[in-house]
N, C-alpha and C. Protein backbone atom coordinates (compact mmCIF):
# COMPACT_ATOMS: atom_id res chain seq x y z
N MET A 1 -15.29 8.09 114.09
CA MET A 1 -14.36 8.21 113.10
C MET A 1 -13.26 8.88 113.54
N THR A 2 -12.11 8.18 112.87
CA THR A 2 -10.71 8.85 113.12
C THR A 2 -10.47 10.10 112.52
N PRO A 3 -10.10 11.05 113.20
CA PRO A 3 -9.78 12.44 112.62
C PRO A 3 -8.59 12.37 111.67
N ILE A 4 -8.61 13.28 110.67
CA ILE A 4 -7.50 13.36 109.70
C ILE A 4 -6.74 14.61 109.91
N ILE A 5 -5.64 14.54 110.17
CA ILE A 5 -4.83 15.71 110.39
C ILE A 5 -4.49 16.48 109.02
N LEU A 6 -4.72 17.82 109.01
CA LEU A 6 -4.68 18.74 107.93
C LEU A 6 -3.42 19.66 107.93
N ASP A 7 -2.54 19.66 107.01
CA ASP A 7 -1.41 20.48 106.91
C ASP A 7 -1.58 21.61 106.03
N THR A 8 -0.83 22.64 106.06
CA THR A 8 -0.69 23.89 105.41
C THR A 8 -0.91 23.66 103.76
N GLY A 9 0.11 22.95 103.36
CA GLY A 9 0.26 22.81 101.98
C GLY A 9 -0.92 22.24 101.23
N VAL A 10 -1.78 21.39 101.99
CA VAL A 10 -3.03 20.86 101.50
C VAL A 10 -4.11 21.95 101.39
N VAL A 11 -4.23 22.85 102.42
CA VAL A 11 -5.16 23.85 102.54
C VAL A 11 -4.85 24.86 101.41
N VAL A 12 -3.60 25.15 101.11
CA VAL A 12 -3.22 26.07 100.02
C VAL A 12 -3.62 25.45 98.70
N ALA A 13 -3.23 24.21 98.65
CA ALA A 13 -3.49 23.48 97.21
C ALA A 13 -4.96 23.61 96.96
N LEU A 14 -5.75 23.15 97.97
CA LEU A 14 -7.12 23.12 97.73
C LEU A 14 -7.84 24.43 97.11
N LEU A 15 -7.25 25.40 97.54
CA LEU A 15 -7.64 26.79 97.20
C LEU A 15 -7.20 27.55 95.97
N ASP A 16 -5.95 27.01 95.63
CA ASP A 16 -5.01 27.63 94.51
C ASP A 16 -4.98 26.70 93.52
N ARG A 17 -5.95 26.81 92.44
CA ARG A 17 -5.89 25.97 91.40
C ARG A 17 -4.71 25.78 90.58
N SER A 18 -4.01 26.96 90.68
CA SER A 18 -2.70 26.98 89.97
C SER A 18 -1.45 26.04 90.70
N GLU A 19 -1.88 25.70 91.86
CA GLU A 19 -0.86 24.95 92.63
C GLU A 19 -0.72 23.65 91.97
N ARG A 20 0.53 23.11 91.84
CA ARG A 20 0.70 21.89 91.04
C ARG A 20 0.15 20.74 91.74
N HIS A 21 -0.07 20.62 92.90
CA HIS A 21 -0.77 19.55 93.62
C HIS A 21 -2.29 19.63 93.91
N HIS A 22 -2.77 20.64 93.25
CA HIS A 22 -4.22 20.94 93.44
C HIS A 22 -5.18 19.89 93.31
N GLN A 23 -5.19 19.14 92.03
CA GLN A 23 -6.03 18.01 91.91
C GLN A 23 -5.83 16.87 92.97
N ARG A 24 -4.40 16.62 93.11
CA ARG A 24 -4.07 15.48 93.94
C ARG A 24 -4.72 15.61 95.54
N CYS A 25 -4.65 16.98 95.81
CA CYS A 25 -5.28 17.38 97.17
C CYS A 25 -6.74 17.24 97.16
N VAL A 26 -7.35 17.61 95.99
CA VAL A 26 -8.82 17.68 95.94
C VAL A 26 -9.32 16.14 95.90
N ASP A 27 -8.53 15.25 95.19
CA ASP A 27 -8.88 13.98 95.27
C ASP A 27 -8.67 13.31 96.59
N ALA A 28 -7.58 13.61 97.36
CA ALA A 28 -7.47 12.96 98.46
C ALA A 28 -8.51 13.44 99.66
N VAL A 29 -8.70 14.58 99.63
CA VAL A 29 -9.77 15.17 100.63
C VAL A 29 -11.14 14.21 100.38
N ALA A 30 -11.49 14.12 98.94
CA ALA A 30 -12.60 13.56 98.73
C ALA A 30 -12.79 12.09 99.13
N MET A 31 -11.48 11.48 99.31
CA MET A 31 -11.44 10.07 99.76
C MET A 31 -11.74 9.85 101.31
N VAL A 32 -11.20 10.77 101.99
CA VAL A 32 -11.08 10.74 103.51
C VAL A 32 -12.51 10.57 104.10
N ARG A 33 -12.59 9.90 105.06
CA ARG A 33 -13.97 9.63 105.73
C ARG A 33 -14.05 10.32 107.16
N GLY A 34 -12.96 10.62 107.64
CA GLY A 34 -12.83 11.17 109.05
C GLY A 34 -13.07 12.68 108.93
N PRO A 35 -13.25 13.41 110.03
CA PRO A 35 -13.21 14.76 110.19
C PRO A 35 -11.81 15.38 110.09
N LEU A 36 -11.64 16.49 109.24
CA LEU A 36 -10.42 17.33 109.10
C LEU A 36 -10.14 17.97 110.33
N VAL A 37 -9.10 17.81 110.96
CA VAL A 37 -8.57 18.62 112.11
C VAL A 37 -7.21 19.41 111.86
N THR A 38 -7.03 20.35 112.42
CA THR A 38 -5.80 21.11 112.28
C THR A 38 -5.53 21.93 113.58
N CYS A 39 -4.63 22.99 113.36
CA CYS A 39 -4.20 23.88 114.27
C CYS A 39 -4.23 25.28 113.92
N GLU A 40 -4.31 26.24 114.74
CA GLU A 40 -4.30 27.60 114.32
C GLU A 40 -3.07 28.00 113.66
N ALA A 41 -1.91 27.30 113.91
CA ALA A 41 -0.73 27.72 113.27
C ALA A 41 -0.90 27.35 111.67
N VAL A 42 -1.50 26.27 111.39
CA VAL A 42 -1.64 25.82 110.01
C VAL A 42 -2.67 26.94 109.31
N ILE A 43 -3.70 27.27 110.04
CA ILE A 43 -4.65 28.37 109.68
C ILE A 43 -3.97 29.71 109.21
N THR A 44 -2.99 30.05 110.08
CA THR A 44 -2.20 31.27 109.97
C THR A 44 -1.25 31.20 108.67
N GLU A 45 -0.53 29.86 108.53
CA GLU A 45 0.20 30.04 107.51
C GLU A 45 -0.55 29.94 106.28
N ALA A 46 -1.74 29.22 106.12
CA ALA A 46 -2.45 29.12 104.88
C ALA A 46 -2.99 30.56 104.53
N CYS A 47 -3.49 31.27 105.41
CA CYS A 47 -3.92 32.64 105.11
C CYS A 47 -2.78 33.51 104.66
N TYR A 48 -1.60 33.22 105.29
CA TYR A 48 -0.49 34.06 104.65
C TYR A 48 -0.13 33.75 103.31
N LEU A 49 0.03 32.48 103.15
CA LEU A 49 0.39 31.95 101.81
C LEU A 49 -0.70 32.19 100.73
N LEU A 50 -1.77 32.32 100.98
CA LEU A 50 -3.07 32.65 100.04
C LEU A 50 -3.34 34.05 100.06
N ARG A 51 -2.56 34.86 100.62
CA ARG A 51 -3.08 36.34 100.81
C ARG A 51 -3.10 37.09 99.50
N ASN A 52 -2.57 36.63 98.32
CA ASN A 52 -2.72 37.11 96.91
C ASN A 52 -3.77 36.44 96.10
N GLN A 53 -4.56 35.54 96.80
CA GLN A 53 -5.66 34.84 96.04
C GLN A 53 -6.83 35.69 96.73
N PRO A 54 -7.50 36.49 95.87
CA PRO A 54 -8.66 37.14 96.33
C PRO A 54 -9.73 36.30 96.92
N GLY A 55 -10.17 36.44 98.20
CA GLY A 55 -11.26 35.59 98.99
C GLY A 55 -10.71 34.34 99.59
N ALA A 56 -9.38 33.92 99.36
CA ALA A 56 -9.03 32.54 99.80
C ALA A 56 -8.90 32.60 101.18
N SER A 57 -8.37 33.56 101.89
CA SER A 57 -8.24 33.55 103.25
C SER A 57 -9.74 33.72 103.96
N ASP A 58 -10.70 34.28 103.41
CA ASP A 58 -12.05 34.18 103.76
C ASP A 58 -12.47 32.78 103.76
N ILE A 59 -12.33 32.11 102.79
CA ILE A 59 -12.62 30.61 102.67
C ILE A 59 -12.08 29.76 103.65
N VAL A 60 -10.75 30.02 103.93
CA VAL A 60 -10.24 29.13 104.98
C VAL A 60 -10.97 29.37 106.32
N LEU A 61 -11.15 30.66 106.68
CA LEU A 61 -11.82 30.90 107.88
C LEU A 61 -13.15 30.49 107.99
N GLN A 62 -13.87 30.54 106.91
CA GLN A 62 -15.36 29.94 106.82
C GLN A 62 -15.17 28.55 107.08
N ASN A 63 -14.31 27.78 106.53
CA ASN A 63 -14.11 26.34 106.86
C ASN A 63 -13.92 26.12 108.31
N VAL A 64 -13.28 27.12 108.96
CA VAL A 64 -13.03 26.88 110.38
C VAL A 64 -14.27 27.07 111.12
N GLU A 65 -14.95 28.26 110.62
CA GLU A 65 -16.29 28.68 111.21
C GLU A 65 -17.33 27.44 111.20
N ARG A 66 -17.37 26.81 110.15
CA ARG A 66 -18.29 25.87 109.91
C ARG A 66 -18.03 24.47 110.54
N GLY A 67 -16.57 24.30 110.93
CA GLY A 67 -16.40 23.17 111.59
C GLY A 67 -15.52 22.09 110.37
N THR A 68 -15.68 22.50 109.14
CA THR A 68 -14.93 21.76 108.11
C THR A 68 -13.49 21.39 108.54
N PHE A 69 -12.88 22.51 109.02
CA PHE A 69 -11.47 22.37 109.54
C PHE A 69 -11.56 22.51 111.11
N GLY A 70 -11.63 21.40 111.79
CA GLY A 70 -11.72 21.39 113.19
C GLY A 70 -10.47 21.81 113.85
N ILE A 71 -10.50 22.75 114.85
CA ILE A 71 -9.17 23.20 115.43
C ILE A 71 -9.24 22.34 116.84
N ARG A 72 -8.22 21.53 116.87
CA ARG A 72 -8.17 20.44 117.92
C ARG A 72 -6.95 20.80 118.91
N MET A 73 -6.50 21.85 119.04
CA MET A 73 -5.22 21.97 119.75
C MET A 73 -5.47 23.33 120.72
N ASP A 74 -4.96 22.97 122.00
CA ASP A 74 -5.03 24.13 122.92
C ASP A 74 -3.56 24.35 123.21
N LEU A 75 -3.02 25.39 122.67
CA LEU A 75 -1.46 25.64 122.81
C LEU A 75 -0.92 25.83 124.19
N GLU A 76 -1.87 26.55 125.23
CA GLU A 76 -1.38 26.77 126.41
C GLU A 76 -1.13 25.39 127.08
N ARG A 77 -1.99 24.40 126.79
CA ARG A 77 -1.90 23.13 127.54
C ARG A 77 -0.66 22.39 126.84
N THR A 78 -0.59 22.46 125.50
CA THR A 78 0.47 21.67 124.77
C THR A 78 1.76 22.26 124.47
N ALA A 79 2.08 23.48 124.87
CA ALA A 79 3.13 24.15 124.57
C ALA A 79 4.52 23.26 124.95
N PRO A 80 4.48 22.67 126.14
CA PRO A 80 5.63 21.84 126.66
C PRO A 80 6.04 20.71 125.66
N VAL A 81 4.93 20.17 125.10
CA VAL A 81 5.19 19.05 124.09
C VAL A 81 5.67 19.58 122.81
N VAL A 82 5.10 20.64 122.28
CA VAL A 82 5.58 21.42 121.18
C VAL A 82 6.96 21.81 121.21
N ARG A 83 7.37 22.33 122.39
CA ARG A 83 8.86 22.77 122.52
C ARG A 83 9.73 21.54 122.50
N THR A 84 9.27 20.35 123.11
CA THR A 84 9.98 19.09 123.16
C THR A 84 10.32 18.61 121.84
N LEU A 85 9.08 18.60 120.92
CA LEU A 85 9.33 18.13 119.55
C LEU A 85 10.26 18.78 118.70
N MET A 86 10.11 20.16 118.84
CA MET A 86 10.97 21.22 118.04
C MET A 86 12.35 20.92 118.47
N LYS A 87 12.88 20.65 119.66
CA LYS A 87 14.22 20.27 119.93
C LYS A 87 14.50 19.07 119.45
N ARG A 88 13.73 17.94 119.55
CA ARG A 88 13.97 16.42 119.25
C ARG A 88 14.28 16.49 117.62
N TYR A 89 13.44 17.15 116.81
CA TYR A 89 13.71 17.38 115.48
C TYR A 89 14.25 18.55 114.93
N ALA A 90 15.24 19.15 115.66
CA ALA A 90 15.91 20.27 115.26
C ALA A 90 16.88 20.02 113.95
N ARG A 91 17.36 18.85 113.92
CA ARG A 91 18.09 18.45 112.76
C ARG A 91 17.37 18.60 111.41
N VAL A 92 16.09 18.53 111.35
CA VAL A 92 15.25 18.76 110.20
C VAL A 92 14.58 19.97 110.24
N LEU A 93 14.82 20.90 111.25
CA LEU A 93 14.32 22.12 111.37
C LEU A 93 12.75 22.15 111.35
N MET A 94 12.34 21.23 112.21
CA MET A 94 10.75 21.30 112.57
C MET A 94 10.19 22.60 112.91
N ASP A 95 9.36 23.02 112.09
CA ASP A 95 8.62 24.35 112.27
C ASP A 95 7.54 24.24 113.30
N PHE A 96 7.20 25.37 113.77
CA PHE A 96 6.16 25.36 114.89
C PHE A 96 4.78 24.71 114.38
N ALA A 97 4.31 24.93 113.32
CA ALA A 97 3.10 24.33 112.77
C ALA A 97 3.10 22.75 112.72
N ASP A 98 4.35 22.33 112.13
CA ASP A 98 4.60 20.73 112.25
C ASP A 98 4.63 20.23 113.61
N ALA A 99 5.31 21.01 114.47
CA ALA A 99 5.31 20.39 115.86
C ALA A 99 4.01 20.36 116.47
N CYS A 100 3.16 21.28 116.22
CA CYS A 100 1.64 21.34 116.64
C CYS A 100 0.90 20.26 116.04
N LEU A 101 1.15 19.86 114.80
CA LEU A 101 0.32 18.75 114.26
C LEU A 101 0.99 17.34 114.91
N VAL A 102 2.18 17.27 115.10
CA VAL A 102 2.64 16.06 115.71
C VAL A 102 2.08 15.80 117.07
N ALA A 103 2.11 16.95 117.80
CA ALA A 103 1.36 16.89 119.02
C ALA A 103 -0.01 16.54 118.96
N MET A 104 -0.69 17.13 118.14
CA MET A 104 -2.15 16.63 117.85
C MET A 104 -2.32 15.25 117.56
N ALA A 105 -1.36 14.88 116.58
CA ALA A 105 -1.41 13.26 116.47
C ALA A 105 -1.28 12.34 117.78
N ASP A 106 -0.36 12.82 118.51
CA ASP A 106 -0.16 12.17 119.76
C ASP A 106 -1.55 12.03 120.67
N GLU A 107 -2.11 13.35 120.66
CA GLU A 107 -3.16 13.54 121.62
C GLU A 107 -4.50 12.74 120.96
N LEU A 108 -4.61 12.86 119.73
CA LEU A 108 -5.84 12.37 119.09
C LEU A 108 -5.67 10.82 118.70
N GLY A 109 -4.39 10.39 118.80
CA GLY A 109 -4.23 8.76 118.65
C GLY A 109 -4.39 8.36 117.10
N THR A 110 -4.00 9.47 116.13
CA THR A 110 -3.86 9.07 114.80
C THR A 110 -2.65 9.66 114.06
N GLY A 111 -2.24 8.95 113.09
CA GLY A 111 -1.11 9.34 112.21
C GLY A 111 -1.48 9.53 110.87
N GLN A 112 -2.91 9.66 110.55
CA GLN A 112 -3.31 9.77 109.17
C GLN A 112 -3.40 11.31 109.01
N ILE A 113 -2.58 11.80 107.94
CA ILE A 113 -2.16 13.08 107.62
C ILE A 113 -2.44 13.67 106.12
N LEU A 114 -3.00 14.59 105.80
CA LEU A 114 -3.04 15.19 104.62
C LEU A 114 -2.00 16.28 104.55
N THR A 115 -0.75 15.91 103.93
CA THR A 115 0.35 16.86 103.71
C THR A 115 1.05 16.81 102.55
N LEU A 116 1.77 17.94 102.11
CA LEU A 116 2.73 17.79 101.07
C LEU A 116 4.12 17.95 101.62
N ASP A 117 4.27 17.78 102.92
CA ASP A 117 5.53 18.02 103.48
C ASP A 117 6.15 16.60 103.70
N GLY A 118 7.31 16.34 103.09
CA GLY A 118 8.10 15.13 103.19
C GLY A 118 8.61 14.94 104.61
N ASP A 119 8.81 15.96 105.44
CA ASP A 119 9.17 15.80 106.79
C ASP A 119 8.39 14.96 107.51
N PHE A 120 7.14 14.78 107.15
CA PHE A 120 6.37 13.86 108.01
C PHE A 120 6.70 12.52 107.72
N ARG A 121 7.59 12.22 106.82
CA ARG A 121 8.17 10.81 106.66
C ARG A 121 9.33 10.49 107.65
N VAL A 122 9.72 11.63 108.33
CA VAL A 122 10.74 11.52 109.36
C VAL A 122 10.00 11.55 110.75
N TYR A 123 9.07 12.39 110.83
CA TYR A 123 8.40 12.77 112.23
C TYR A 123 7.87 11.44 112.55
N ARG A 124 7.78 11.32 113.92
CA ARG A 124 7.01 10.06 114.56
C ARG A 124 5.85 10.59 115.48
N TRP A 125 4.73 10.05 115.41
CA TRP A 125 3.91 10.40 116.40
C TRP A 125 3.89 9.34 117.55
N ARG A 126 3.64 9.65 118.68
CA ARG A 126 3.78 8.75 119.93
C ARG A 126 5.13 8.16 119.85
N ARG A 127 6.25 8.98 119.59
CA ARG A 127 7.56 8.69 119.47
C ARG A 127 8.07 7.78 118.48
N THR A 128 7.33 6.80 118.13
CA THR A 128 7.73 5.54 117.20
C THR A 128 6.96 5.35 116.14
N ARG A 129 5.77 5.83 116.01
CA ARG A 129 4.70 5.53 114.86
C ARG A 129 4.98 6.33 113.73
N PRO A 130 5.16 5.78 112.48
CA PRO A 130 5.10 6.64 111.24
C PRO A 130 3.58 7.27 110.89
N PHE A 131 3.74 8.39 110.20
CA PHE A 131 2.62 8.99 109.82
C PHE A 131 2.20 8.29 108.55
N GLU A 132 0.84 8.24 108.33
CA GLU A 132 0.24 7.75 107.18
C GLU A 132 -0.18 8.78 106.14
N MET A 133 0.81 9.08 105.07
CA MET A 133 0.52 10.20 104.39
C MET A 133 -0.63 10.02 103.29
N LEU A 134 -1.71 10.72 103.26
CA LEU A 134 -2.88 10.29 102.50
C LEU A 134 -3.03 11.10 101.20
N VAL A 135 -1.88 11.95 100.79
CA VAL A 135 -1.77 12.59 99.62
C VAL A 135 -0.69 11.95 98.78
N ASP A 136 -1.11 11.30 97.54
CA ASP A 136 -0.16 10.53 96.79
C ASP A 136 0.65 11.44 95.90
N LEU A 137 1.98 11.48 96.34
CA LEU A 137 2.77 12.41 95.55
C LEU A 137 3.77 11.68 94.82
């Protein structure tokens, strides 16, 4: 099965019922059939953004522990690619987590992504391929 890349905003929306995109994200995750994969930068951002939601960070980490959110990136090996991407997309101020996800897309051969970040309409995986955004916004 083709992996589905998971971005921070969706993780946060899944766990924060007051987030305006909560139901859209729940529906989108329910429809995907591939494994959810992400990187440690996304997990870090999600835990930080959910720090005021009691137990939410623990749920994020439980999902990692159970393999629900698969971590599919080795930064030591991928750092040169991440650096190159951040330079290439400097005009849109690509952040570290986004660069990691684009690098993962290249490595895994998939542009299917669960994200709320419109910058993924600009980013390209494997230099020319547009992402397929799986959350209907």
